[in-house]
Amino acid sequence: MSFFYIALKLSWEVNALLPIGSIVNIRDGTNKLMILNRGPVVEIEGKKMMFDYSGCHYPLGLADEEVLYFNEENIDEVIHEGFSDSDEERFQKLYNEWKQDNLHFYPKGKVNGRIK
């Protein structure tokens, strides 16, 4: 295996998002969250921002349409990684390309305070 292949693989893994259905603990959070979406764009105070993930409380699911937005750096522990197949790999590739092309339109949102 070449050095280039290993570096490319590590680079992809660093940029890879968790699949939908993954269960995570959030730093300073009290509940587990299940990932519902990757790369959601949300309007906050009239400005569109992009987060790494949206999620809901686990095991409750989406209650009262309460969606929580968070980023990779807010995750403390991955409890369960969701299903992944060749479609997921293709999505990750296309998403990373889209993100690079659109980051100037949608700055990364920041989580202020505790995710409940």
C-alpha atoms as a PDB file:
ATOM      1  CA  MET A   1       0.000   0.000   0.000  1.00  0.00           C
ATOM      2  CA  SER A   2       1.481   3.354  -1.006  1.00  0.00           C
ATOM      3  CA  PHE A   3       1.943   6.371   1.248  1.00  0.00           C
ATOM      4  CA  PHE A   4      -0.299   8.400  -1.105  1.00  0.00           C
ATOM      5  CA  TYR A   5      -3.146   5.869  -0.710  1.00  0.00           C
ATOM      6  CA  ILE A   6      -2.840   5.888   3.088  1.00  0.00           C
ATOM      7  CA  ALA A   7      -2.770   9.709   3.213  1.00  0.00           C
ATOM      8  CA  LEU A   8      -5.792   9.942   0.899  1.00  0.00           C
ATOM      9  CA  LYS A   9      -7.715   7.376   2.949  1.00  0.00           C
ATOM     10  CA  LEU A  10      -6.918   9.186   6.211  1.00  0.00           C
ATOM     11  CA  SER A  11      -7.902  12.510   4.656  1.00  0.00           C
ATOM     12  CA  TRP A  12     -11.265  11.077   3.592  1.00  0.00           C
ATOM     13  CA  GLU A  13     -11.873   9.535   6.995  1.00  0.00           C
ATOM     14  CA  VAL A  14     -11.142  12.826   8.752  1.00  0.00           C
ATOM     15  CA  ASN A  15     -13.668  14.623   6.521  1.00  0.00           C
ATOM     16  CA  ALA A  16     -16.267  11.836   6.708  1.00  0.00           C
ATOM     17  CA  LEU A  17     -19.475  12.535   8.559  1.00  0.00           C
ATOM     18  CA  LEU A  18     -21.292   9.950  10.616  1.00  0.00           C
ATOM     19  CA  PRO A  19     -24.152   8.173   8.806  1.00  0.00           C
ATOM     20  CA  ILE A  20     -27.762   8.979   9.607  1.00  0.00           C
ATOM     21  CA  GLY A  21     -29.055   6.810  12.428  1.00  0.00           C
ATOM     22  CA  SER A  22     -25.800   7.132  14.372  1.00  0.00           C
ATOM     23  CA  ILE A  23     -26.219   7.617  18.132  1.00  0.00           C
ATOM     24  CA  VAL A  24     -23.892  10.070  19.888  1.00  0.00           C
ATOM     25  CA  ASN A  25     -23.252  11.649  23.262  1.00  0.00           C
ATOM     26  CA  ILE A  26     -22.728  15.396  23.129  1.00  0.00           C
ATOM     27  CA  ARG A  27     -20.180  17.243  25.251  1.00  0.00           C
ATOM     28  CA  ASP A  28     -21.906  18.634  28.340  1.00  0.00           C
ATOM     29  CA  GLY A  29     -25.184  17.109  27.176  1.00  0.00           C
ATOM     30  CA  THR A  30     -27.474  14.955  29.233  1.00  0.00           C
ATOM     31  CA  ASN A  31     -29.182  12.963  26.467  1.00  0.00           C
ATOM     32  CA  LYS A  32     -28.112  10.771  23.590  1.00  0.00           C
ATOM     33  CA  LEU A  33     -28.875  12.135  20.138  1.00  0.00           C
ATOM     34  CA  MET A  34     -29.655  10.284  16.919  1.00  0.00           C
ATOM     35  CA  ILE A  35     -28.355  11.875  13.729  1.00  0.00           C
ATOM     36  CA  LEU A  36     -31.177  12.757  11.345  1.00  0.00           C
ATOM     37  CA  ASN A  37     -29.358  14.789   8.719  1.00  0.00           C
ATOM     38  CA  ARG A  38     -25.909  15.933   7.625  1.00  0.00           C
ATOM     39  CA  GLY A  39     -25.132  19.457   6.471  1.00  0.00           C
ATOM     40  CA  PRO A  40     -28.435  21.119   7.349  1.00  0.00           C
ATOM     41  CA  VAL A  41     -28.670  24.779   6.373  1.00  0.00           C
ATOM     42  CA  VAL A  42     -30.608  26.804   8.949  1.00  0.00           C
ATOM     43  CA  GLU A  43     -31.567  30.467   9.007  1.00  0.00           C
ATOM     44  CA  ILE A  44     -30.472  32.107  12.259  1.00  0.00           C
ATOM     45  CA  GLU A  45     -31.122  35.800  12.799  1.00  0.00           C
ATOM     46  CA  GLY A  46     -31.625  36.306   9.069  1.00  0.00           C
ATOM     47  CA  LYS A  47     -28.374  34.552   8.098  1.00  0.00           C
ATOM     48  CA  LYS A  48     -28.099  31.056   6.597  1.00  0.00           C
ATOM     49  CA  MET A  49     -25.677  28.860   8.509  1.00  0.00           C
ATOM     50  CA  MET A  50     -24.613  25.261   7.946  1.00  0.00           C
ATOM     51  CA  PHE A  51     -24.134  22.733  10.734  1.00  0.00           C
ATOM     52  CA  ASP A  52     -22.545  19.300  10.459  1.00  0.00           C
ATOM     53  CA  TYR A  53     -25.621  17.521  11.822  1.00  0.00           C
ATOM     54  CA  SER A  54     -29.205  17.735  12.920  1.00  0.00           C
ATOM     55  CA  GLY A  55     -30.499  15.266  15.451  1.00  0.00           C
ATOM     56  CA  CYS A  56     -33.220  14.290  17.849  1.00  0.00           C
ATOM     57  CA  HIS A  57     -33.264  12.831  21.333  1.00  0.00           C
ATOM     58  CA  TYR A  58     -32.711   9.086  21.533  1.00  0.00           C
ATOM     59  CA  PRO A  59     -34.754   6.954  22.189  1.00  0.00           C
ATOM     60  CA  LEU A  60     -37.677   9.415  21.954  1.00  0.00           C
ATOM     61  CA  GLY A  61     -37.177  10.360  18.327  1.00  0.00           C
ATOM     62  CA  LEU A  62     -38.498  13.558  16.832  1.00  0.00           C
ATOM     63  CA  ALA A  63     -40.906  14.945  19.435  1.00  0.00           C
ATOM     64  CA  ASP A  64     -42.781  18.216  18.953  1.00  0.00           C
ATOM     65  CA  GLU A  65     -40.595  18.787  15.892  1.00  0.00           C
ATOM     66  CA  GLU A  66     -37.665  19.654  18.148  1.00  0.00           C
ATOM     67  CA  VAL A  67     -34.593  19.392  15.944  1.00  0.00           C
ATOM     68  CA  LEU A  68     -31.174  19.974  17.493  1.00  0.00           C
ATOM     69  CA  TYR A  69     -28.251  21.273  15.418  1.00  0.00           C
ATOM     70  CA  PHE A  70     -24.643  20.489  16.258  1.00  0.00           C
ATOM     71  CA  ASN A  71     -21.173  20.012  14.796  1.00  0.00           C
ATOM     72  CA  GLU A  72     -18.509  17.332  14.842  1.00  0.00           C
ATOM     73  CA  GLU A  73     -16.614  19.148  17.611  1.00  0.00           C
ATOM     74  CA  ASN A  74     -19.689  18.929  19.874  1.00  0.00           C
ATOM     75  CA  ILE A  75     -19.656  15.117  19.812  1.00  0.00           C
ATOM     76  CA  ASP A  76     -18.077  13.528  22.851  1.00  0.00           C
ATOM     77  CA  GLU A  77     -18.650   9.858  22.025  1.00  0.00           C
ATOM     78  CA  VAL A  78     -20.053   7.785  19.171  1.00  0.00           C
ATOM     79  CA  ILE A  79     -22.219   5.108  20.749  1.00  0.00           C
ATOM     80  CA  HIS A  80     -23.477   3.513  17.536  1.00  0.00           C
ATOM     81  CA  GLU A  81     -22.545   4.204  13.934  1.00  0.00           C
ATOM     82  CA  GLY A  82     -25.472   4.113  11.493  1.00  0.00           C
ATOM     83  CA  PHE A  83     -25.747   1.945   8.386  1.00  0.00           C
ATOM     84  CA  SER A  84     -23.236   2.594   5.621  1.00  0.00           C
ATOM     85  CA  ASP A  85     -22.944   1.165   2.116  1.00  0.00           C
ATOM     86  CA  SER A  86     -21.781   2.254  -1.342  1.00  0.00           C
ATOM     87  CA  ASP A  87     -24.590   4.845  -1.524  1.00  0.00           C
ATOM     88  CA  GLU A  88     -23.282   6.382   1.698  1.00  0.00           C
ATOM     89  CA  GLU A  89     -19.743   6.511   0.290  1.00  0.00           C
ATOM     90  CA  ARG A  90     -21.042   8.257  -2.850  1.00  0.00           C
ATOM     91  CA  PHE A  91     -23.053  10.710  -0.731  1.00  0.00           C
ATOM     92  CA  GLN A  92     -19.960  11.528   1.358  1.00  0.00           C
ATOM     93  CA  LYS A  93     -17.934  12.250  -1.793  1.00  0.00           C
ATOM     94  CA  LEU A  94     -20.632  14.451  -3.358  1.00  0.00           C
ATOM     95  CA  TYR A  95     -21.354  16.204  -0.055  1.00  0.00           C
ATOM     96  CA  ASN A  96     -17.683  17.080   0.506  1.00  0.00           C
ATOM     97  CA  GLU A  97     -17.454  18.497  -3.027  1.00  0.00           C
ATOM     98  CA  TRP A  98     -20.654  20.512  -2.523  1.00  0.00           C
ATOM     99  CA  LYS A  99     -19.461  21.769   0.854  1.00  0.00           C
ATOM    100  CA  GLN A 100     -16.151  23.003  -0.576  1.00  0.00           C
ATOM    101  CA  ASP A 101     -17.990  24.823  -3.380  1.00  0.00           C
ATOM    102  CA  ASN A 102     -20.611  26.413  -1.095  1.00  0.00           C
ATOM    103  CA  LEU A 103     -18.881  27.144   2.205  1.00  0.00           C
ATOM    104  CA  HIS A 104     -18.657  30.847   1.364  1.00  0.00           C
ATOM    105  CA  PHE A 105     -22.474  30.940   0.946  1.00  0.00           C
ATOM    106  CA  TYR A 106     -23.184  29.050   4.167  1.00  0.00           C
ATOM    107  CA  PRO A 107     -20.706  29.704   6.983  1.00  0.00           C
ATOM    108  CA  LYS A 108     -20.478  27.030   9.646  1.00  0.00           C
ATOM    109  CA  GLY A 109     -22.919  27.580  12.494  1.00  0.00           C
ATOM    110  CA  LYS A 110     -21.655  27.591  16.048  1.00  0.00           C
ATOM    111  CA  VAL A 111     -23.306  25.942  19.010  1.00  0.00           C
ATOM    112  CA  ASN A 112     -23.582  28.453  21.824  1.00  0.00           C
ATOM    113  CA  GLY A 113     -24.372  26.954  25.176  1.00  0.00           C
ATOM    114  CA  ARG A 114     -25.466  23.499  26.097  1.00  0.00           C
ATOM    115  CA  ILE A 115     -27.364  21.144  23.791  1.00  0.00           C
ATOM    116  CA  LYS A 116     -30.265  19.903  25.899  1.00  0.00           C
END
